[in-house]
Amino acid sequence: MICTLNSIDSATVAAWVQALGALAALWIAIWISNNQHKIDLKNDRRRTKEIAIRRLAVAISLGGAVIEKIKTLKTWANSSNPEQHIVNIDFLLAQVKSLKDDIATINLNDVDDFESLKIISNMKTFASISVSIIEHVTRIRQSHAHWSKAAISELDRMIPEFEVEMKDAVALEVNLKNNLKFYE
């Protein structure tokens, strides 16, 4: 059978136009929903990356403050009269303990990339070791009235190691920030 335009009435044409319009509207709705979902996923990944960068920046800041306190202790120990600084050790210890506690609040379960996890974990460890060293210096100082050479040599070993870790952390932060531009 050959269909001719004369045999199609206006009701049939209207039904076909309505059906095609409904299909087009359905396709457009699916397309818009799919695009919105992609945008939402991209925004979620961006927010996750921004949070990771902020966590890393906090860890870098706190880690930098810990290393400055440890360098202060080393400067005191190497000064011409280290005994003049002994009254400040308790205050320095309290500051480093506070920094250690602040670093400890960063939940490692929320860190989603391995490099950030490693760096933040190392900063937590370094802060804990720093507290132990300052406590050791305090105990030795109280009982023997001198600075502990072992603690000072441990500082000599730790400081360069941690400075390298800090440089790696800053490089990672820059890299994460550059990768964040992908989500814009």
N, C-alpha and C. Protein backbone atom coordinates (compact mmCIF):
# COMPACT_ATOMS: atom_id res chain seq x y z
N MET A 1 0.81 -1.18 0.00
CA MET A 1 0.00 0.00 0.00
C MET A 1 0.86 1.25 0.00
N ILE A 2 0.51 2.09 -0.84
CA ILE A 2 1.22 3.35 -0.93
C ILE A 2 0.37 4.41 -0.23
N CYS A 3 1.05 5.10 0.67
CA CYS A 3 0.38 6.12 1.46
C CYS A 3 0.48 7.45 0.73
N THR A 4 -0.54 8.12 0.68
CA THR A 4 -0.51 9.44 0.10
C THR A 4 -0.94 10.45 1.15
N LEU A 5 -0.53 11.67 0.92
CA LEU A 5 -0.86 12.71 1.87
C LEU A 5 -2.37 12.93 1.96
N ASN A 6 -3.06 12.64 0.87
CA ASN A 6 -4.49 12.85 0.87
C ASN A 6 -5.21 11.89 1.81
N SER A 7 -4.60 10.68 2.01
CA SER A 7 -5.28 9.69 2.84
C SER A 7 -5.03 9.91 4.34
N ILE A 8 -4.10 10.82 4.71
CA ILE A 8 -3.82 11.10 6.12
C ILE A 8 -4.65 12.30 6.54
N ASP A 9 -5.43 12.06 7.55
CA ASP A 9 -6.26 13.17 8.02
C ASP A 9 -5.50 14.02 9.04
N SER A 10 -6.07 15.13 9.39
CA SER A 10 -5.38 16.06 10.29
C SER A 10 -5.22 15.48 11.70
N ALA A 11 -6.08 14.62 12.15
CA ALA A 11 -5.97 14.00 13.49
C ALA A 11 -4.75 13.08 13.54
N THR A 12 -4.50 12.37 12.48
CA THR A 12 -3.34 11.47 12.43
C THR A 12 -2.05 12.29 12.42
N VAL A 13 -2.04 13.34 11.64
CA VAL A 13 -0.86 14.22 11.60
C VAL A 13 -0.62 14.83 12.98
N ALA A 14 -1.65 15.27 13.61
CA ALA A 14 -1.52 15.86 14.95
C ALA A 14 -0.99 14.82 15.94
N ALA A 15 -1.45 13.59 15.85
CA ALA A 15 -0.98 12.52 16.75
C ALA A 15 0.50 12.25 16.52
N TRP A 16 0.90 12.20 15.25
CA TRP A 16 2.33 11.98 14.94
C TRP A 16 3.19 13.14 15.42
N VAL A 17 2.75 14.34 15.21
CA VAL A 17 3.49 15.52 15.68
C VAL A 17 3.59 15.50 17.21
N GLN A 18 2.48 15.14 17.85
CA GLN A 18 2.49 15.06 19.31
C GLN A 18 3.45 13.96 19.78
N ALA A 19 3.45 12.81 19.14
CA ALA A 19 4.32 11.70 19.51
C ALA A 19 5.79 12.08 19.31
N LEU A 20 6.08 12.68 18.16
CA LEU A 20 7.46 13.11 17.90
C LEU A 20 7.89 14.20 18.88
N GLY A 21 7.00 15.10 19.20
CA GLY A 21 7.29 16.15 20.18
C GLY A 21 7.55 15.56 21.55
N ALA A 22 6.77 14.56 21.95
CA ALA A 22 6.96 13.91 23.25
C ALA A 22 8.31 13.19 23.29
N LEU A 23 8.64 12.51 22.18
CA LEU A 23 9.95 11.84 22.12
C LEU A 23 11.09 12.86 22.18
N ALA A 24 10.95 13.96 21.48
CA ALA A 24 11.99 15.00 21.51
C ALA A 24 12.11 15.59 22.92
N ALA A 25 10.98 15.84 23.57
CA ALA A 25 11.01 16.39 24.93
C ALA A 25 11.64 15.40 25.89
N LEU A 26 11.31 14.12 25.73
CA LEU A 26 11.90 13.08 26.58
C LEU A 26 13.42 13.01 26.36
N TRP A 27 13.83 13.04 25.09
CA TRP A 27 15.28 12.99 24.77
C TRP A 27 15.98 14.22 25.36
N ILE A 28 15.40 15.39 25.24
CA ILE A 28 16.00 16.62 25.78
C ILE A 28 16.08 16.54 27.30
N ALA A 29 15.04 16.03 27.94
CA ALA A 29 15.05 15.90 29.40
C ALA A 29 16.15 14.94 29.86
N ILE A 30 16.31 13.83 29.16
CA ILE A 30 17.37 12.86 29.49
C ILE A 30 18.73 13.50 29.26
N TRP A 31 18.89 14.22 28.16
CA TRP A 31 20.16 14.85 27.84
C TRP A 31 20.52 15.90 28.90
N ILE A 32 19.54 16.73 29.28
CA ILE A 32 19.79 17.75 30.31
C ILE A 32 20.15 17.10 31.64
N SER A 33 19.41 16.07 32.01
CA SER A 33 19.68 15.36 33.27
C SER A 33 21.07 14.74 33.26
N ASN A 34 21.44 14.13 32.16
CA ASN A 34 22.77 13.53 32.03
C ASN A 34 23.86 14.58 32.13
N ASN A 35 23.68 15.69 31.45
CA ASN A 35 24.68 16.77 31.52
C ASN A 35 24.77 17.35 32.92
N GLN A 36 23.64 17.51 33.59
CA GLN A 36 23.64 18.04 34.96
C GLN A 36 24.35 17.06 35.89
N HIS A 37 24.13 15.77 35.68
CA HIS A 37 24.81 14.75 36.49
C HIS A 37 26.32 14.83 36.29
N LYS A 38 26.75 14.99 35.05
CA LYS A 38 28.20 15.12 34.76
C LYS A 38 28.77 16.37 35.45
N ILE A 39 28.03 17.46 35.38
CA ILE A 39 28.48 18.70 36.03
C ILE A 39 28.56 18.50 37.54
N ASP A 40 27.55 17.84 38.11
CA ASP A 40 27.54 17.59 39.56
C ASP A 40 28.72 16.71 39.97
N LEU A 41 29.01 15.67 39.19
CA LEU A 41 30.16 14.81 39.50
C LEU A 41 31.46 15.58 39.42
N LYS A 42 31.58 16.41 38.40
CA LYS A 42 32.78 17.22 38.25
C LYS A 42 32.93 18.18 39.43
N ASN A 43 31.84 18.81 39.85
CA ASN A 43 31.88 19.72 40.99
C ASN A 43 32.21 18.98 42.28
N ASP A 44 31.65 17.77 42.45
CA ASP A 44 31.97 16.96 43.63
C ASP A 44 33.45 16.61 43.67
N ARG A 45 34.00 16.20 42.53
CA ARG A 45 35.44 15.89 42.48
C ARG A 45 36.26 17.13 42.77
N ARG A 46 35.82 18.27 42.26
CA ARG A 46 36.53 19.52 42.52
C ARG A 46 36.50 19.86 44.01
N ARG A 47 35.32 19.74 44.64
CA ARG A 47 35.22 20.01 46.07
C ARG A 47 36.10 19.05 46.88
N THR A 48 36.11 17.79 46.49
CA THR A 48 36.95 16.79 47.17
C THR A 48 38.42 17.18 47.04
N LYS A 49 38.83 17.58 45.85
CA LYS A 49 40.22 18.00 45.65
C LYS A 49 40.54 19.27 46.44
N GLU A 50 39.60 20.22 46.48
CA GLU A 50 39.82 21.45 47.25
C GLU A 50 40.00 21.14 48.73
N ILE A 51 39.18 20.22 49.24
CA ILE A 51 39.30 19.83 50.65
C ILE A 51 40.66 19.17 50.89
N ALA A 52 41.07 18.30 49.97
CA ALA A 52 42.38 17.64 50.11
C ALA A 52 43.50 18.66 50.10
N ILE A 53 43.40 19.66 49.25
CA ILE A 53 44.42 20.71 49.19
C ILE A 53 44.44 21.50 50.49
N ARG A 54 43.25 21.82 51.03
CA ARG A 54 43.19 22.55 52.30
C ARG A 54 43.79 21.72 53.44
N ARG A 55 43.49 20.42 53.48
CA ARG A 55 44.08 19.55 54.52
C ARG A 55 45.60 19.55 54.40
N LEU A 56 46.08 19.41 53.19
CA LEU A 56 47.52 19.38 52.97
C LEU A 56 48.13 20.73 53.36
N ALA A 57 47.46 21.82 53.01
CA ALA A 57 47.98 23.15 53.37
C ALA A 57 48.03 23.32 54.88
N VAL A 58 47.04 22.83 55.59
CA VAL A 58 47.04 22.90 57.06
C VAL A 58 48.21 22.09 57.61
N ALA A 59 48.38 20.87 57.07
CA ALA A 59 49.48 20.02 57.53
C ALA A 59 50.83 20.67 57.25
N ILE A 60 50.96 21.30 56.10
CA ILE A 60 52.21 21.99 55.76
C ILE A 60 52.46 23.14 56.73
N SER A 61 51.42 23.91 56.99
CA SER A 61 51.57 25.04 57.91
C SER A 61 51.95 24.57 59.31
N LEU A 62 51.24 23.56 59.81
CA LEU A 62 51.54 23.05 61.15
C LEU A 62 52.91 22.39 61.19
N GLY A 63 53.23 21.63 60.15
CA GLY A 63 54.55 20.99 60.09
C GLY A 63 55.67 22.01 60.03
N GLY A 64 55.45 23.08 59.28
CA GLY A 64 56.45 24.16 59.23
C GLY A 64 56.64 24.81 60.59
N ALA A 65 55.55 24.98 61.31
CA ALA A 65 55.65 25.56 62.66
C ALA A 65 56.41 24.63 63.60
N VAL A 66 56.18 23.32 63.50
CA VAL A 66 56.91 22.36 64.33
C VAL A 66 58.40 22.43 64.04
N ILE A 67 58.75 22.45 62.77
CA ILE A 67 60.18 22.47 62.44
C ILE A 67 60.83 23.76 62.91
N GLU A 68 60.12 24.87 62.86
CA GLU A 68 60.68 26.13 63.37
C GLU A 68 60.92 26.04 64.87
N LYS A 69 60.01 25.41 65.59
CA LYS A 69 60.21 25.23 67.04
C LYS A 69 61.40 24.34 67.33
N ILE A 70 61.57 23.29 66.54
CA ILE A 70 62.70 22.37 66.73
C ILE A 70 64.01 23.08 66.38
N LYS A 71 63.98 23.89 65.36
CA LYS A 71 65.18 24.66 65.02
C LYS A 71 65.52 25.64 66.14
N THR A 72 64.49 26.21 66.76
CA THR A 72 64.71 27.10 67.90
C THR A 72 65.41 26.35 69.02
N LEU A 73 64.92 25.15 69.32
CA LEU A 73 65.55 24.33 70.36
C LEU A 73 67.00 24.04 70.02
N LYS A 74 67.26 23.71 68.77
CA LYS A 74 68.64 23.42 68.36
C LYS A 74 69.51 24.67 68.48
N THR A 75 68.97 25.82 68.11
CA THR A 75 69.71 27.08 68.25
C THR A 75 70.04 27.35 69.71
N TRP A 76 69.08 27.11 70.58
CA TRP A 76 69.32 27.29 72.01
C TRP A 76 70.43 26.37 72.50
N ALA A 77 70.37 25.10 72.08
CA ALA A 77 71.36 24.12 72.54
C ALA A 77 72.76 24.47 72.04
N ASN A 78 72.85 25.07 70.86
CA ASN A 78 74.15 25.39 70.27
C ASN A 78 74.62 26.80 70.61
N SER A 79 73.84 27.53 71.38
CA SER A 79 74.24 28.90 71.73
C SER A 79 75.40 28.87 72.73
N SER A 80 76.04 30.00 72.89
CA SER A 80 77.19 30.08 73.79
C SER A 80 76.78 29.85 75.25
N ASN A 81 75.53 30.17 75.58
CA ASN A 81 75.05 29.94 76.93
C ASN A 81 73.67 29.28 76.86
N PRO A 82 73.62 27.97 76.59
CA PRO A 82 72.33 27.30 76.44
C PRO A 82 71.48 27.31 77.70
N GLU A 83 72.12 27.48 78.84
CA GLU A 83 71.38 27.44 80.11
C GLU A 83 70.39 28.61 80.23
N GLN A 84 70.65 29.72 79.54
CA GLN A 84 69.74 30.86 79.62
C GLN A 84 68.39 30.56 78.97
N HIS A 85 68.36 29.54 78.11
CA HIS A 85 67.12 29.22 77.39
C HIS A 85 66.30 28.15 78.08
N ILE A 86 66.83 27.57 79.12
CA ILE A 86 66.17 26.44 79.75
C ILE A 86 64.78 26.80 80.29
N VAL A 87 64.61 28.03 80.69
CA VAL A 87 63.30 28.45 81.21
C VAL A 87 62.24 28.47 80.11
N ASN A 88 62.66 28.56 78.87
CA ASN A 88 61.72 28.63 77.75
C ASN A 88 61.31 27.26 77.21
N ILE A 89 61.98 26.21 77.66
CA ILE A 89 61.72 24.88 77.09
C ILE A 89 60.29 24.42 77.37
N ASP A 90 59.78 24.66 78.56
CA ASP A 90 58.42 24.23 78.87
C ASP A 90 57.40 24.91 77.95
N PHE A 91 57.62 26.19 77.69
CA PHE A 91 56.73 26.90 76.77
C PHE A 91 56.85 26.34 75.35
N LEU A 92 58.08 26.08 74.92
CA LEU A 92 58.31 25.49 73.60
C LEU A 92 57.64 24.11 73.52
N LEU A 93 57.79 23.32 74.56
CA LEU A 93 57.16 22.00 74.59
C LEU A 93 55.64 22.13 74.48
N ALA A 94 55.05 23.05 75.18
CA ALA A 94 53.59 23.26 75.12
C ALA A 94 53.16 23.65 73.70
N GLN A 95 53.96 24.49 73.05
CA GLN A 95 53.63 24.90 71.68
C GLN A 95 53.69 23.71 70.73
N VAL A 96 54.74 22.91 70.84
CA VAL A 96 54.88 21.76 69.94
C VAL A 96 53.80 20.72 70.23
N LYS A 97 53.46 20.52 71.49
CA LYS A 97 52.36 19.60 71.81
C LYS A 97 51.05 20.09 71.19
N SER A 98 50.82 21.38 71.25
CA SER A 98 49.61 21.94 70.66
C SER A 98 49.60 21.74 69.14
N LEU A 99 50.74 21.98 68.50
CA LEU A 99 50.84 21.76 67.06
C LEU A 99 50.63 20.28 66.72
N LYS A 100 51.22 19.40 67.54
CA LYS A 100 51.04 17.96 67.34
C LYS A 100 49.57 17.59 67.44
N ASP A 101 48.89 18.14 68.43
CA ASP A 101 47.46 17.86 68.59
C ASP A 101 46.66 18.38 67.40
N ASP A 102 47.04 19.55 66.89
CA ASP A 102 46.35 20.10 65.72
C ASP A 102 46.55 19.21 64.49
N ILE A 103 47.78 18.73 64.29
CA ILE A 103 48.04 17.84 63.16
C ILE A 103 47.26 16.54 63.34
N ALA A 104 47.15 16.09 64.57
CA ALA A 104 46.44 14.83 64.85
C ALA A 104 44.96 14.91 64.49
N THR A 105 44.40 16.12 64.42
CA THR A 105 42.98 16.25 64.09
C THR A 105 42.71 15.97 62.61
N ILE A 106 43.74 15.94 61.78
CA ILE A 106 43.54 15.63 60.37
C ILE A 106 43.28 14.13 60.27
N ASN A 107 42.08 13.78 59.86
CA ASN A 107 41.67 12.38 59.78
C ASN A 107 42.26 11.75 58.51
N LEU A 108 43.13 10.78 58.71
CA LEU A 108 43.77 10.13 57.56
C LEU A 108 42.78 9.34 56.72
N ASN A 109 41.65 8.96 57.29
CA ASN A 109 40.63 8.25 56.51
C ASN A 109 39.98 9.15 55.47
N ASP A 110 40.08 10.46 55.66
CA ASP A 110 39.49 11.40 54.71
C ASP A 110 40.46 11.80 53.59
N VAL A 111 41.70 11.35 53.67
CA VAL A 111 42.70 11.71 52.67
C VAL A 111 42.65 10.64 51.58
N ASP A 112 42.36 11.07 50.34
CA ASP A 112 42.11 10.08 49.30
C ASP A 112 43.27 9.80 48.36
N ASP A 113 44.35 10.56 48.42
CA ASP A 113 45.47 10.21 47.55
C ASP A 113 46.68 9.83 48.39
N PHE A 114 47.43 8.87 47.86
CA PHE A 114 48.51 8.26 48.63
C PHE A 114 49.59 9.25 49.02
N GLU A 115 49.98 10.13 48.13
CA GLU A 115 51.06 11.07 48.42
C GLU A 115 50.69 11.99 49.59
N SER A 116 49.47 12.51 49.58
CA SER A 116 49.03 13.36 50.69
C SER A 116 48.97 12.56 51.98
N LEU A 117 48.49 11.33 51.88
CA LEU A 117 48.40 10.46 53.05
C LEU A 117 49.78 10.24 53.66
N LYS A 118 50.74 9.96 52.80
CA LYS A 118 52.12 9.71 53.26
C LYS A 118 52.70 10.96 53.93
N ILE A 119 52.51 12.10 53.32
CA ILE A 119 53.08 13.34 53.85
C ILE A 119 52.42 13.72 55.17
N ILE A 120 51.11 13.67 55.24
CA ILE A 120 50.42 14.03 56.47
C ILE A 120 50.77 13.05 57.58
N SER A 121 50.86 11.78 57.24
CA SER A 121 51.25 10.77 58.22
C SER A 121 52.67 11.02 58.73
N ASN A 122 53.57 11.37 57.83
CA ASN A 122 54.95 11.68 58.23
C ASN A 122 55.01 12.92 59.12
N MET A 123 54.16 13.91 58.83
CA MET A 123 54.14 15.12 59.66
C MET A 123 53.62 14.80 61.06
N LYS A 124 52.62 13.92 61.13
CA LYS A 124 52.13 13.49 62.44
C LYS A 124 53.24 12.80 63.22
N THR A 125 53.97 11.93 62.54
CA THR A 125 55.08 11.21 63.19
C THR A 125 56.16 12.18 63.63
N PHE A 126 56.53 13.11 62.77
CA PHE A 126 57.56 14.08 63.10
C PHE A 126 57.16 14.92 64.31
N ALA A 127 55.91 15.34 64.35
CA ALA A 127 55.45 16.13 65.50
C ALA A 127 55.53 15.32 66.79
N SER A 128 55.16 14.05 66.72
CA SER A 128 55.24 13.19 67.91
C SER A 128 56.68 13.00 68.36
N ILE A 129 57.57 12.78 67.40
CA ILE A 129 58.99 12.61 67.72
C ILE A 129 59.54 13.91 68.31
N SER A 130 59.13 15.03 67.76
CA SER A 130 59.59 16.33 68.27
C SER A 130 59.19 16.52 69.72
N VAL A 131 57.96 16.16 70.05
CA VAL A 131 57.51 16.25 71.45
C VAL A 131 58.38 15.35 72.32
N SER A 132 58.64 14.14 71.86
CA SER A 132 59.47 13.20 72.64
C SER A 132 60.87 13.75 72.86
N ILE A 133 61.45 14.35 71.84
CA ILE A 133 62.81 14.89 71.97
C ILE A 133 62.83 16.05 72.97
N ILE A 134 61.86 16.94 72.86
CA ILE A 134 61.83 18.08 73.80
C ILE A 134 61.60 17.57 75.22
N GLU A 135 60.73 16.59 75.38
CA GLU A 135 60.53 16.01 76.72
C GLU A 135 61.82 15.37 77.23
N HIS A 136 62.55 14.70 76.33
CA HIS A 136 63.82 14.08 76.70
C HIS A 136 64.83 15.14 77.15
N VAL A 137 64.93 16.21 76.38
CA VAL A 137 65.85 17.30 76.75
C VAL A 137 65.46 17.86 78.11
N THR A 138 64.15 18.02 78.34
CA THR A 138 63.68 18.55 79.62
C THR A 138 64.04 17.62 80.78
N ARG A 139 63.79 16.31 80.60
CA ARG A 139 64.12 15.35 81.67
C ARG A 139 65.62 15.32 81.95
N ILE A 140 66.43 15.26 80.88
CA ILE A 140 67.89 15.22 81.06
C ILE A 140 68.35 16.50 81.73
N ARG A 141 67.81 17.61 81.28
CA ARG A 141 68.19 18.91 81.83
C ARG A 141 67.86 18.99 83.32
N GLN A 142 66.71 18.47 83.70
CA GLN A 142 66.30 18.53 85.10
C GLN A 142 67.17 17.62 85.97
N SER A 143 67.56 16.48 85.46
CA SER A 143 68.30 15.53 86.29
C SER A 143 69.82 15.72 86.21
N HIS A 144 70.34 16.14 85.09
CA HIS A 144 71.80 16.23 84.92
C HIS A 144 72.33 17.64 84.72
N ALA A 145 71.43 18.58 84.60
CA ALA A 145 71.81 19.99 84.44
C ALA A 145 72.65 20.23 83.18
N HIS A 146 72.36 19.51 82.11
CA HIS A 146 73.01 19.80 80.82
C HIS A 146 72.10 19.35 79.68
N TRP A 147 72.41 19.82 78.52
CA TRP A 147 71.65 19.45 77.33
C TRP A 147 72.07 18.06 76.88
N SER A 148 71.14 17.27 76.42
CA SER A 148 71.43 15.91 75.97
C SER A 148 72.04 15.95 74.56
N LYS A 149 73.25 15.43 74.46
CA LYS A 149 73.91 15.37 73.13
C LYS A 149 73.14 14.44 72.19
N ALA A 150 72.58 13.36 72.75
CA ALA A 150 71.82 12.42 71.91
C ALA A 150 70.60 13.10 71.30
N ALA A 151 69.90 13.91 72.09
CA ALA A 151 68.72 14.62 71.58
C ALA A 151 69.13 15.63 70.51
N ILE A 152 70.22 16.32 70.75
CA ILE A 152 70.68 17.31 69.77
C ILE A 152 71.11 16.63 68.48
N SER A 153 71.79 15.49 68.58
CA SER A 153 72.19 14.78 67.35
C SER A 153 70.96 14.23 66.63
N GLU A 154 69.93 13.86 67.38
CA GLU A 154 68.68 13.43 66.75
C GLU A 154 68.03 14.60 66.01
N LEU A 155 68.10 15.78 66.58
CA LEU A 155 67.60 16.98 65.88
C LEU A 155 68.39 17.21 64.60
N ASP A 156 69.71 17.06 64.68
CA ASP A 156 70.56 17.24 63.50
C ASP A 156 70.16 16.28 62.38
N ARG A 157 69.74 15.09 62.76
CA ARG A 157 69.33 14.09 61.77
C ARG A 157 67.92 14.37 61.25
N MET A 158 67.03 14.76 62.15
CA MET A 158 65.62 14.93 61.79
C MET A 158 65.33 16.17 60.96
N ILE A 159 65.95 17.26 61.30
CA ILE A 159 65.60 18.53 60.65
C ILE A 159 65.76 18.47 59.13
N PRO A 160 66.92 18.04 58.60
CA PRO A 160 67.03 17.99 57.13
C PRO A 160 66.04 17.01 56.51
N GLU A 161 65.80 15.90 57.18
CA GLU A 161 64.85 14.91 56.68
C GLU A 161 63.45 15.51 56.59
N PHE A 162 63.08 16.23 57.62
CA PHE A 162 61.75 16.82 57.63
C PHE A 162 61.66 17.99 56.65
N GLU A 163 62.74 18.72 56.46
CA GLU A 163 62.72 19.83 55.49
C GLU A 163 62.49 19.29 54.08
N VAL A 164 63.08 18.14 53.77
CA VAL A 164 62.84 17.50 52.46
C VAL A 164 61.37 17.11 52.36
N GLU A 165 60.83 16.56 53.43
CA GLU A 165 59.42 16.18 53.46
C GLU A 165 58.53 17.40 53.23
N MET A 166 58.89 18.52 53.84
CA MET A 166 58.12 19.75 53.67
C MET A 166 58.17 20.23 52.22
N LYS A 167 59.34 20.15 51.59
CA LYS A 167 59.46 20.54 50.18
C LYS A 167 58.59 19.65 49.31
N ASP A 168 58.60 18.33 49.60
CA ASP A 168 57.74 17.41 48.86
C ASP A 168 56.27 17.75 49.05
N ALA A 169 55.91 18.12 50.27
CA ALA A 169 54.52 18.48 50.56
C ALA A 169 54.10 19.73 49.79
N VAL A 170 54.96 20.72 49.76
CA VAL A 170 54.64 21.96 49.03
C VAL A 170 54.53 21.66 47.53
N ALA A 171 55.43 20.82 47.01
CA ALA A 171 55.38 20.45 45.59
C ALA A 171 54.07 19.70 45.29
N LEU A 172 53.67 18.82 46.19
CA LEU A 172 52.41 18.10 46.00
C LEU A 172 51.23 19.06 46.03
N GLU A 173 51.26 20.02 46.95
CA GLU A 173 50.17 20.99 47.03
C GLU A 173 50.07 21.78 45.72
N VAL A 174 51.19 22.20 45.19
CA VAL A 174 51.19 22.94 43.91
C VAL A 174 50.63 22.05 42.80
N ASN A 175 51.06 20.79 42.78
CA ASN A 175 50.58 19.85 41.77
C ASN A 175 49.07 19.65 41.88
N LEU A 176 48.58 19.48 43.10
CA LEU A 176 47.14 19.31 43.29
C LEU A 176 46.38 20.56 42.85
N LYS A 177 46.93 21.73 43.16
CA LYS A 177 46.27 22.97 42.74
C LYS A 177 46.24 23.08 41.22
N ASN A 178 47.34 22.68 40.57
CA ASN A 178 47.37 22.72 39.10
C ASN A 178 46.37 21.74 38.51
N ASN A 179 46.25 20.55 39.11
CA ASN A 179 45.29 19.57 38.63
C ASN A 179 43.86 20.01 38.89
N LEU A 180 43.65 20.86 39.87
CA LEU A 180 42.34 21.36 40.19
C LEU A 180 41.78 22.20 39.04
N LYS A 181 42.67 22.82 38.28
CA LYS A 181 42.23 23.64 37.14
C LYS A 181 41.48 22.79 36.12
N PHE A 182 41.76 21.47 36.12
CA PHE A 182 41.06 20.55 35.23
C PHE A 182 39.56 20.56 35.49
N TYR A 183 39.17 20.80 36.75
CA TYR A 183 37.77 20.74 37.13
C TYR A 183 37.03 22.06 36.92
N GLU A 184 37.72 23.06 36.40
CA GLU A 184 37.06 24.36 36.19
C GLU A 184 36.29 24.37 34.90
